[in-house]
C-alpha cells in the first residue's frame, strides 16, 4: 500500500502516519511468533536542481527517462525531467542560449518549454538542443497522448532556442547560431492550452539512472510573465530523507515506538524487509496478548514544531513470524 507523507504541511503535525485498529489477531503470542515483519520501499532523493550564477547564467541538473512517450502508465504517456518555470498569461515567448548539455544519452536534452500543467502527462511544447541528435521541436498536443517532433541533426551546444505562443494559441519553435538570425523548425502548431501556462527551462538525462547537467544563458521572456523562478521534478518520484517508525498500542496507555536503523529509510529504493522483535514492544510496556492498534509513520512521532520532508513509500506483507533460525555453523 502507498503511504504518502508531508511533514511540513501548514496546520498539521510534522509527522505522518497511517493507523489500523485490529479486530482479530490481537494476541501476538499465539503460534510461537516472535517478530513483526513488514516490507517497504522508498524512493531516492531528487537529483534535480536549478542555480543562477554567475549573474545571467543558469545551471540545471535533472534525471528522467525522457520528455517524450514514457510509459504508457495507466494508459497514458508521461514525461520525466526537471523544470524551472514562471507563469505566462496569454501570448508570449522564451529565449535561451543553451550553453551545454551533458551527454548521458544521445537524446539527453536541454531547452525552453511552454507547459499547460505541472502534471507528468501534460500538454506542452518545447525547443531543445540534444547531446548529439541536433535541435528538436517536440510537443504533446493532448494530455497523455503521443508526442511529435521536427528535428534538425548536426547541431550541438552552444546554440540558441526559442518557443513562442501566439494569441490564437499557435506554437512556433526557432533555433539560431547567434541569437539574431532565427530559423523556424516545422510549422506553427495549434496546441490548445489554457490562458495561464508555465514557461521555462527543461533538462532530462534520457536515462533514469543518470543525472544530466545543462547550462543556460541569455534567458529572456516576452508577454505577461510573472513570478520568481520555481523548479521541481516532473514525473519523477523522489523522497526527502525521513525516519520510518512502527507504533503499537494497547487500548490504553502510550504506544511502543520502534524506529528503523536508517534515519533516511524513506530513501531506500529497493524492497527491504524490516523485522522487529516483539520483545522490543513488550519492553516498552505493551501487552502482547491484546494488541489494539498498529501505526506506520514517517518522521518523529509527536513532533508538532520542526518541519520535515515529503514523499511516498510503499508498504507490503505486514505479518507476525516465528523466530528467525540461527545459521548453521560452517565446518
Protein backbone atom coordinates (compact mmCIF):
# COMPACT_ATOMS: atom_id res chain seq x y z
CA UNK A 1 0.00 0.00 0.00
CA UNK A 2 1.26 3.53 -0.68
CA UNK A 3 1.91 5.81 2.28
CA UNK A 4 2.19 9.49 1.36
CA UNK A 5 3.90 11.84 3.78
CA UNK A 6 4.19 15.61 4.00
CA UNK A 7 5.80 16.72 7.24
CA UNK A 8 5.71 20.42 6.52
CA UNK A 9 2.01 20.96 5.85
CA UNK A 10 0.68 24.13 7.41
CA UNK A 11 -1.73 23.50 10.28
CA UNK A 12 -0.74 19.85 10.73
CA UNK A 13 1.71 17.90 12.87
CA UNK A 14 5.19 17.47 11.44
CA UNK A 15 4.94 13.71 11.12
CA UNK A 16 2.72 11.42 9.02
CA UNK A 17 1.28 8.03 9.88
CA UNK A 18 -1.38 5.53 8.91
CA UNK A 19 -3.17 3.52 11.60
CA UNK A 20 -5.06 0.25 11.70
CA UNK A 21 -7.23 -0.90 14.60
CA UNK A 22 -7.20 -4.68 14.97
CA UNK A 23 -10.44 -6.64 15.15
CA UNK A 24 -8.73 -10.03 15.19
CA UNK A 25 -5.17 -11.30 15.56
CA UNK A 26 -4.91 -9.23 18.71
CA UNK A 27 -2.94 -11.92 20.55
CA UNK A 28 0.63 -11.57 19.33
CA UNK A 29 1.88 -14.57 21.31
CA UNK A 30 -0.07 -17.35 19.57
CA UNK A 31 1.74 -19.90 17.45
CA UNK A 32 5.16 -19.14 18.81
CA UNK A 33 5.55 -15.89 16.89
CA UNK A 34 8.41 -13.68 17.97
CA UNK A 35 8.75 -10.95 15.33
CA UNK A 36 6.75 -8.38 13.42
CA UNK A 37 7.80 -8.30 9.76
CA UNK A 38 6.98 -5.76 7.08
CA UNK A 39 8.38 -4.95 3.66
CA UNK A 40 8.87 -1.38 2.45
CA UNK A 41 10.34 0.53 -0.46
CA UNK A 42 11.01 4.24 -0.72
CA UNK A 43 12.37 6.46 -3.45
CA UNK A 44 15.80 8.11 -3.76
CA UNK A 45 16.46 11.77 -3.18
CA UNK A 46 15.87 14.13 -6.07
CA UNK A 47 18.93 14.96 -8.16
CA UNK A 48 17.15 17.88 -9.80
CA UNK A 49 18.46 21.39 -9.15
CA UNK A 50 18.40 24.90 -10.58
CA UNK A 51 21.01 27.52 -9.68
CA UNK A 52 21.72 31.01 -11.00
CA UNK A 53 25.30 32.18 -11.15
CA UNK A 54 27.26 33.97 -12.37
CA UNK A 55 24.54 36.57 -12.95
CA UNK A 56 22.57 35.80 -16.10
CA UNK A 57 23.61 32.16 -16.31
CA UNK A 58 21.78 29.12 -15.00
CA UNK A 59 22.83 25.56 -14.27
CA UNK A 60 20.20 22.83 -14.06
CA UNK A 61 20.51 19.14 -13.25
CA UNK A 62 17.88 16.53 -13.96
CA UNK A 63 17.36 12.83 -14.45
CA UNK A 64 14.39 11.05 -16.01
CA UNK A 65 13.68 8.59 -18.79
CA UNK A 66 12.73 11.32 -21.28
CA UNK A 67 10.43 14.21 -22.13
CA UNK A 68 8.58 12.08 -24.62
CA UNK A 69 6.37 9.00 -24.60
CA UNK A 70 7.47 7.43 -21.31
CA UNK A 71 5.06 4.69 -20.37
CA UNK A 72 2.33 4.29 -21.10
CA UNK A 73 1.48 4.39 -17.42
CA UNK A 74 -2.17 3.66 -16.62
CA UNK A 75 -2.92 4.08 -20.31
CA UNK A 76 -1.19 7.44 -20.70
CA UNK A 77 2.24 8.68 -21.74
CA UNK A 78 4.17 10.94 -19.41
CA UNK A 79 7.43 12.88 -19.06
CA UNK A 80 10.35 12.69 -16.63
CA UNK A 81 12.58 15.76 -16.28
CA UNK A 82 13.48 18.80 -14.19
CA UNK A 83 11.65 22.05 -14.90
CA UNK A 84 12.40 25.65 -13.89
CA UNK A 85 9.40 27.83 -14.58
CA UNK A 86 7.41 31.01 -14.23
CA UNK A 87 3.80 31.65 -15.25
CA UNK A 88 2.66 33.06 -18.58
CA UNK A 89 -0.79 34.51 -19.22
CA UNK A 90 -1.79 34.76 -22.88
CA UNK A 91 0.72 35.03 -25.73
CA UNK A 92 4.44 35.12 -25.06
CA UNK A 93 7.82 33.54 -25.66
CA UNK A 94 11.04 32.43 -24.03
CA UNK A 95 14.55 32.53 -25.50
CA UNK A 96 17.70 30.90 -24.12
CA UNK A 97 21.21 30.12 -25.23
CA UNK A 98 21.82 26.50 -24.30
CA UNK A 99 25.48 26.55 -23.33
CA UNK A 100 25.85 22.84 -22.66
CA UNK A 101 24.02 19.56 -22.21
CA UNK A 102 25.81 16.61 -20.68
CA UNK A 103 25.96 13.51 -22.88
CA UNK A 104 24.17 10.99 -20.67
CA UNK A 105 22.39 9.81 -23.83
CA UNK A 106 22.28 10.90 -27.47
CA UNK A 107 18.83 12.32 -26.68
CA UNK A 108 19.67 13.96 -23.37
CA UNK A 109 18.30 17.45 -23.88
CA UNK A 110 18.03 20.97 -22.54
CA UNK A 111 15.81 23.73 -23.80
CA UNK A 112 12.81 26.00 -23.43
CA UNK A 113 9.25 24.86 -22.77
CA UNK A 114 5.66 26.06 -22.54
CA UNK A 115 3.58 23.62 -20.49
CA UNK A 116 -0.11 23.53 -19.64
CA UNK A 117 0.26 22.00 -16.16
CA UNK A 118 2.91 20.51 -13.89
CA UNK A 119 1.37 17.06 -14.28
CA UNK A 120 3.62 14.43 -15.84
CA UNK A 121 1.26 13.83 -18.79
CA UNK A 122 0.59 17.49 -19.57
CA UNK A 123 0.17 19.11 -22.96
CA UNK A 124 3.37 21.00 -23.80
CA UNK A 125 5.70 22.26 -26.49
CA UNK A 126 9.46 22.76 -26.31
CA UNK A 127 12.51 23.58 -28.37
CA UNK A 128 15.61 21.71 -27.23
CA UNK A 129 19.24 21.06 -28.02
CA UNK A 130 20.17 17.41 -27.55
CA UNK A 131 23.53 15.94 -26.63
CA UNK A 132 24.29 14.54 -30.11
CA UNK A 133 20.97 14.37 -32.01
CA UNK A 134 20.54 18.00 -33.03
CA UNK A 135 17.83 20.54 -32.24
CA UNK A 136 14.22 19.44 -31.99
CA UNK A 137 10.76 20.99 -31.76
CA UNK A 138 8.90 18.46 -29.62
CA UNK A 139 5.33 18.60 -28.35
CA UNK A 140 2.44 16.66 -26.85
CA UNK A 141 -0.80 18.10 -28.29
CA UNK A 142 -3.15 16.15 -26.00
CA UNK A 143 -2.99 15.21 -22.33
CA UNK A 144 -1.44 11.76 -22.03
CA UNK A 145 -1.15 11.48 -25.79
CA UNK A 146 1.73 10.62 -28.08
CA UNK A 147 4.45 13.17 -28.79
CA UNK A 148 5.53 14.56 -32.15
CA UNK A 149 8.76 16.18 -33.29
CA UNK A 150 10.59 18.05 -36.04
CA UNK A 151 14.37 17.70 -35.80
CA UNK A 152 17.45 19.16 -37.46
CA UNK A 153 20.51 16.95 -36.96
CA UNK A 154 24.14 18.04 -36.72
CA UNK A 155 23.65 20.94 -34.30
CA UNK A 156 25.30 20.94 -30.87
CA UNK A 157 25.71 23.36 -27.99
CA UNK A 158 26.16 26.22 -27.60
CA UNK A 159 23.01 27.13 -29.55
CA UNK A 160 20.03 29.45 -29.16
CA UNK A 161 16.44 28.20 -28.92
CA UNK A 162 13.07 29.91 -28.76
CA UNK A 163 9.46 28.81 -28.22
CA UNK A 164 6.54 31.18 -28.79
CA UNK A 165 2.77 31.11 -28.27
CA UNK A 166 0.54 33.43 -30.30
CA UNK A 167 -2.76 34.98 -29.27
CA UNK A 168 -4.55 32.31 -31.33
CA UNK A 169 -2.77 29.55 -29.39
CA UNK A 170 -0.36 28.52 -32.14
CA UNK A 171 3.08 27.36 -31.03
CA UNK A 172 6.20 28.12 -33.07
CA UNK A 173 9.77 26.96 -32.44
CA UNK A 174 13.03 28.50 -33.61
CA UNK A 175 16.78 27.97 -33.35
CA UNK A 176 19.73 30.23 -34.02
CA UNK A 177 23.52 30.13 -34.01
CA UNK A 178 23.84 33.77 -32.91
CA UNK A 179 20.56 34.82 -31.26
CA UNK A 180 19.58 37.19 -34.06
CA UNK A 181 19.07 35.17 -37.25
CA UNK A 182 16.34 32.65 -36.39
CA UNK A 183 15.31 29.52 -38.28
CA UNK A 184 11.77 28.22 -37.74
CA UNK A 185 11.60 24.45 -37.29
CA UNK A 186 8.45 22.73 -38.52
CA UNK A 187 5.19 24.63 -38.85
CA UNK A 188 3.03 26.61 -36.44
CA UNK A 189 1.21 24.06 -34.28
CA UNK A 190 -2.31 24.79 -32.95
CA UNK A 191 -1.72 23.33 -29.48
CA UNK A 192 -4.57 24.26 -27.19
CA UNK A 193 -3.77 25.19 -23.60
CA UNK A 194 -5.46 27.44 -21.10
CA UNK A 195 -4.68 31.13 -20.92
CA UNK A 196 -2.41 30.61 -17.91
CA UNK A 197 0.50 28.24 -18.54
CA UNK A 198 4.03 27.55 -17.31
CA UNK A 199 7.03 28.80 -19.25
CA UNK A 200 10.65 27.98 -18.56
CA UNK A 201 13.69 25.73 -18.91
CA UNK A 202 13.85 21.94 -19.03
CA UNK A 203 16.53 19.25 -18.68
CA UNK A 204 16.26 15.46 -18.95
CA UNK A 205 19.05 12.88 -18.90
CA UNK A 206 17.07 10.41 -21.08
CA UNK A 207 18.40 7.80 -18.64
CA UNK A 208 16.62 7.50 -15.30
CA UNK A 209 19.77 6.12 -13.68
CA UNK A 210 21.91 9.14 -14.58
CA UNK A 211 21.99 12.85 -13.86
CA UNK A 212 22.36 15.33 -16.70
CA UNK A 213 23.71 18.86 -16.29
CA UNK A 214 22.54 21.63 -18.61
CA UNK A 215 23.77 25.21 -18.84
CA UNK A 216 21.78 28.25 -19.98
CA UNK A 217 22.42 31.95 -20.54
CA UNK A 218 20.70 34.96 -22.11
CA UNK A 219 17.28 33.83 -20.89
CA UNK A 220 14.57 36.32 -21.82
CA UNK A 221 10.79 36.24 -22.00
CA UNK A 222 8.06 38.28 -23.65
CA UNK A 223 4.40 38.60 -22.76
CA UNK A 224 2.72 38.63 -19.36
CA UNK A 225 5.27 36.51 -17.48
CA UNK A 226 5.17 36.69 -13.69
CA UNK A 227 6.61 35.16 -10.54
CA UNK A 228 10.08 34.21 -9.39
CA UNK A 229 11.80 31.13 -10.72
CA UNK A 230 10.48 27.90 -9.21
CA UNK A 231 11.76 24.44 -10.04
CA UNK A 232 10.72 20.84 -9.50
CA UNK A 233 10.94 17.32 -10.85
CA UNK A 234 8.15 16.40 -13.23
CA UNK A 235 7.09 12.74 -13.39
CA UNK A 236 9.95 11.53 -11.17
CA UNK A 237 9.26 10.00 -7.77
CA UNK A 238 11.69 11.18 -5.11
CA UNK A 239 11.67 11.37 -1.34
CA UNK A 240 13.08 13.67 1.26
CA UNK A 241 15.00 11.86 3.98
CA UNK A 242 12.75 10.85 6.87
CA UNK A 243 12.91 8.09 9.50
CA UNK A 244 10.42 5.23 9.36
CA UNK A 245 8.72 4.00 12.52
CA UNK A 246 6.16 1.49 13.74
CA UNK A 247 3.97 2.27 16.75
CA UNK A 248 1.99 -0.47 18.51
CA UNK A 249 -0.52 0.20 21.27
CA UNK A 250 -3.00 -1.42 23.62
CA UNK A 251 -6.45 0.03 24.19
CA UNK A 252 -5.00 2.27 26.90
CA UNK A 253 -1.57 3.65 27.57
CA UNK A 254 1.20 5.08 25.43
CA UNK A 255 2.24 3.28 22.25
CA UNK A 256 5.55 1.48 21.87
CA UNK A 257 7.54 3.08 19.07
CA UNK A 258 10.33 1.36 17.13
CA UNK A 259 12.37 3.37 14.62
CA UNK A 260 14.22 1.86 11.67
CA UNK A 261 18.01 1.91 12.00
CA UNK A 262 18.42 4.02 8.85
CA UNK A 263 17.41 7.64 9.60
CA UNK A 264 16.79 8.08 5.85
CA UNK A 265 14.75 4.90 5.43
CA UNK A 266 12.32 6.78 3.18
CA UNK A 267 15.06 6.87 0.53
CA UNK A 268 15.78 3.13 0.44
CA UNK A 269 14.93 2.42 -3.19
CA UNK A 270 14.51 -1.36 -3.09
CA UNK A 271 12.13 -3.72 -1.35
CA UNK A 272 13.50 -4.24 2.16
CA UNK A 273 12.24 -6.47 4.95
CA UNK A 274 12.19 -4.91 8.40
CA UNK A 275 12.00 -7.43 11.25
CA UNK A 276 11.02 -6.06 14.67
CA UNK A 277 11.39 -8.38 17.68
CA UNK A 278 8.13 -8.38 19.64
CA UNK A 279 10.18 -8.26 22.81
CA UNK A 280 11.12 -4.65 21.99
CA UNK A 281 7.41 -3.81 22.21
CA UNK A 282 6.93 -5.74 25.43
CA UNK A 283 9.94 -3.95 26.91
CA UNK A 284 8.07 -0.68 26.37
CA UNK A 285 5.04 -1.93 28.30
CA UNK A 286 2.86 -3.38 25.54
CA UNK A 287 0.68 -6.35 26.50
CA UNK A 288 1.26 -8.65 23.53
CA UNK A 289 -1.82 -10.78 24.25
CA UNK A 290 -4.19 -7.90 23.48
CA UNK A 291 -2.74 -5.56 20.86
CA UNK A 292 -5.24 -2.92 19.77
CA UNK A 293 -3.61 -0.79 17.09
CA UNK A 294 -0.61 -0.63 14.77
CA UNK A 295 0.61 2.54 13.07
CA UNK A 296 3.30 3.08 10.45
CA UNK A 297 4.74 6.55 10.09
CA UNK A 298 7.40 8.83 8.65
CA UNK A 299 9.12 11.47 10.73
CA UNK A 300 9.29 11.72 14.51
CA UNK A 301 6.03 10.70 16.16
CA UNK A 302 4.65 13.51 18.27
CA UNK A 303 6.66 16.24 16.54
CA UNK A 304 4.50 19.33 16.07
CA UNK A 305 7.08 22.06 15.51
CA UNK A 306 10.11 21.04 13.42
CA UNK A 307 9.33 20.85 9.67
CA UNK A 308 10.23 17.69 7.80
CA UNK A 309 10.12 16.34 4.27
CA UNK A 310 7.64 14.84 1.85
CA UNK A 311 7.30 11.86 -0.45
CA UNK A 312 5.82 8.39 -0.71
CA UNK A 313 6.79 4.89 0.40
CA UNK A 314 5.24 1.51 -0.35
CA UNK A 315 4.37 -0.95 2.43
CA UNK A 316 3.53 -4.63 1.92
CA UNK A 317 3.22 -8.00 3.65
CA UNK A 318 2.81 -6.96 7.29
CA UNK A 319 2.76 -10.14 9.36
CA UNK A 320 3.83 -11.92 12.51
CA UNK A 321 6.55 -14.53 12.07
CA UNK A 322 8.28 -17.14 14.16
CA UNK A 323 11.87 -16.67 15.32
CA UNK A 324 14.39 -16.42 12.53
CA UNK A 325 16.57 -19.55 12.78
CA UNK A 326 20.23 -19.09 13.53
CA UNK A 327 22.51 -20.01 10.61
CA UNK A 328 24.17 -23.39 10.81
CA UNK A 329 27.83 -23.18 11.84
CA UNK A 330 30.24 -23.78 9.00
CA UNK A 331 32.71 -26.64 9.40
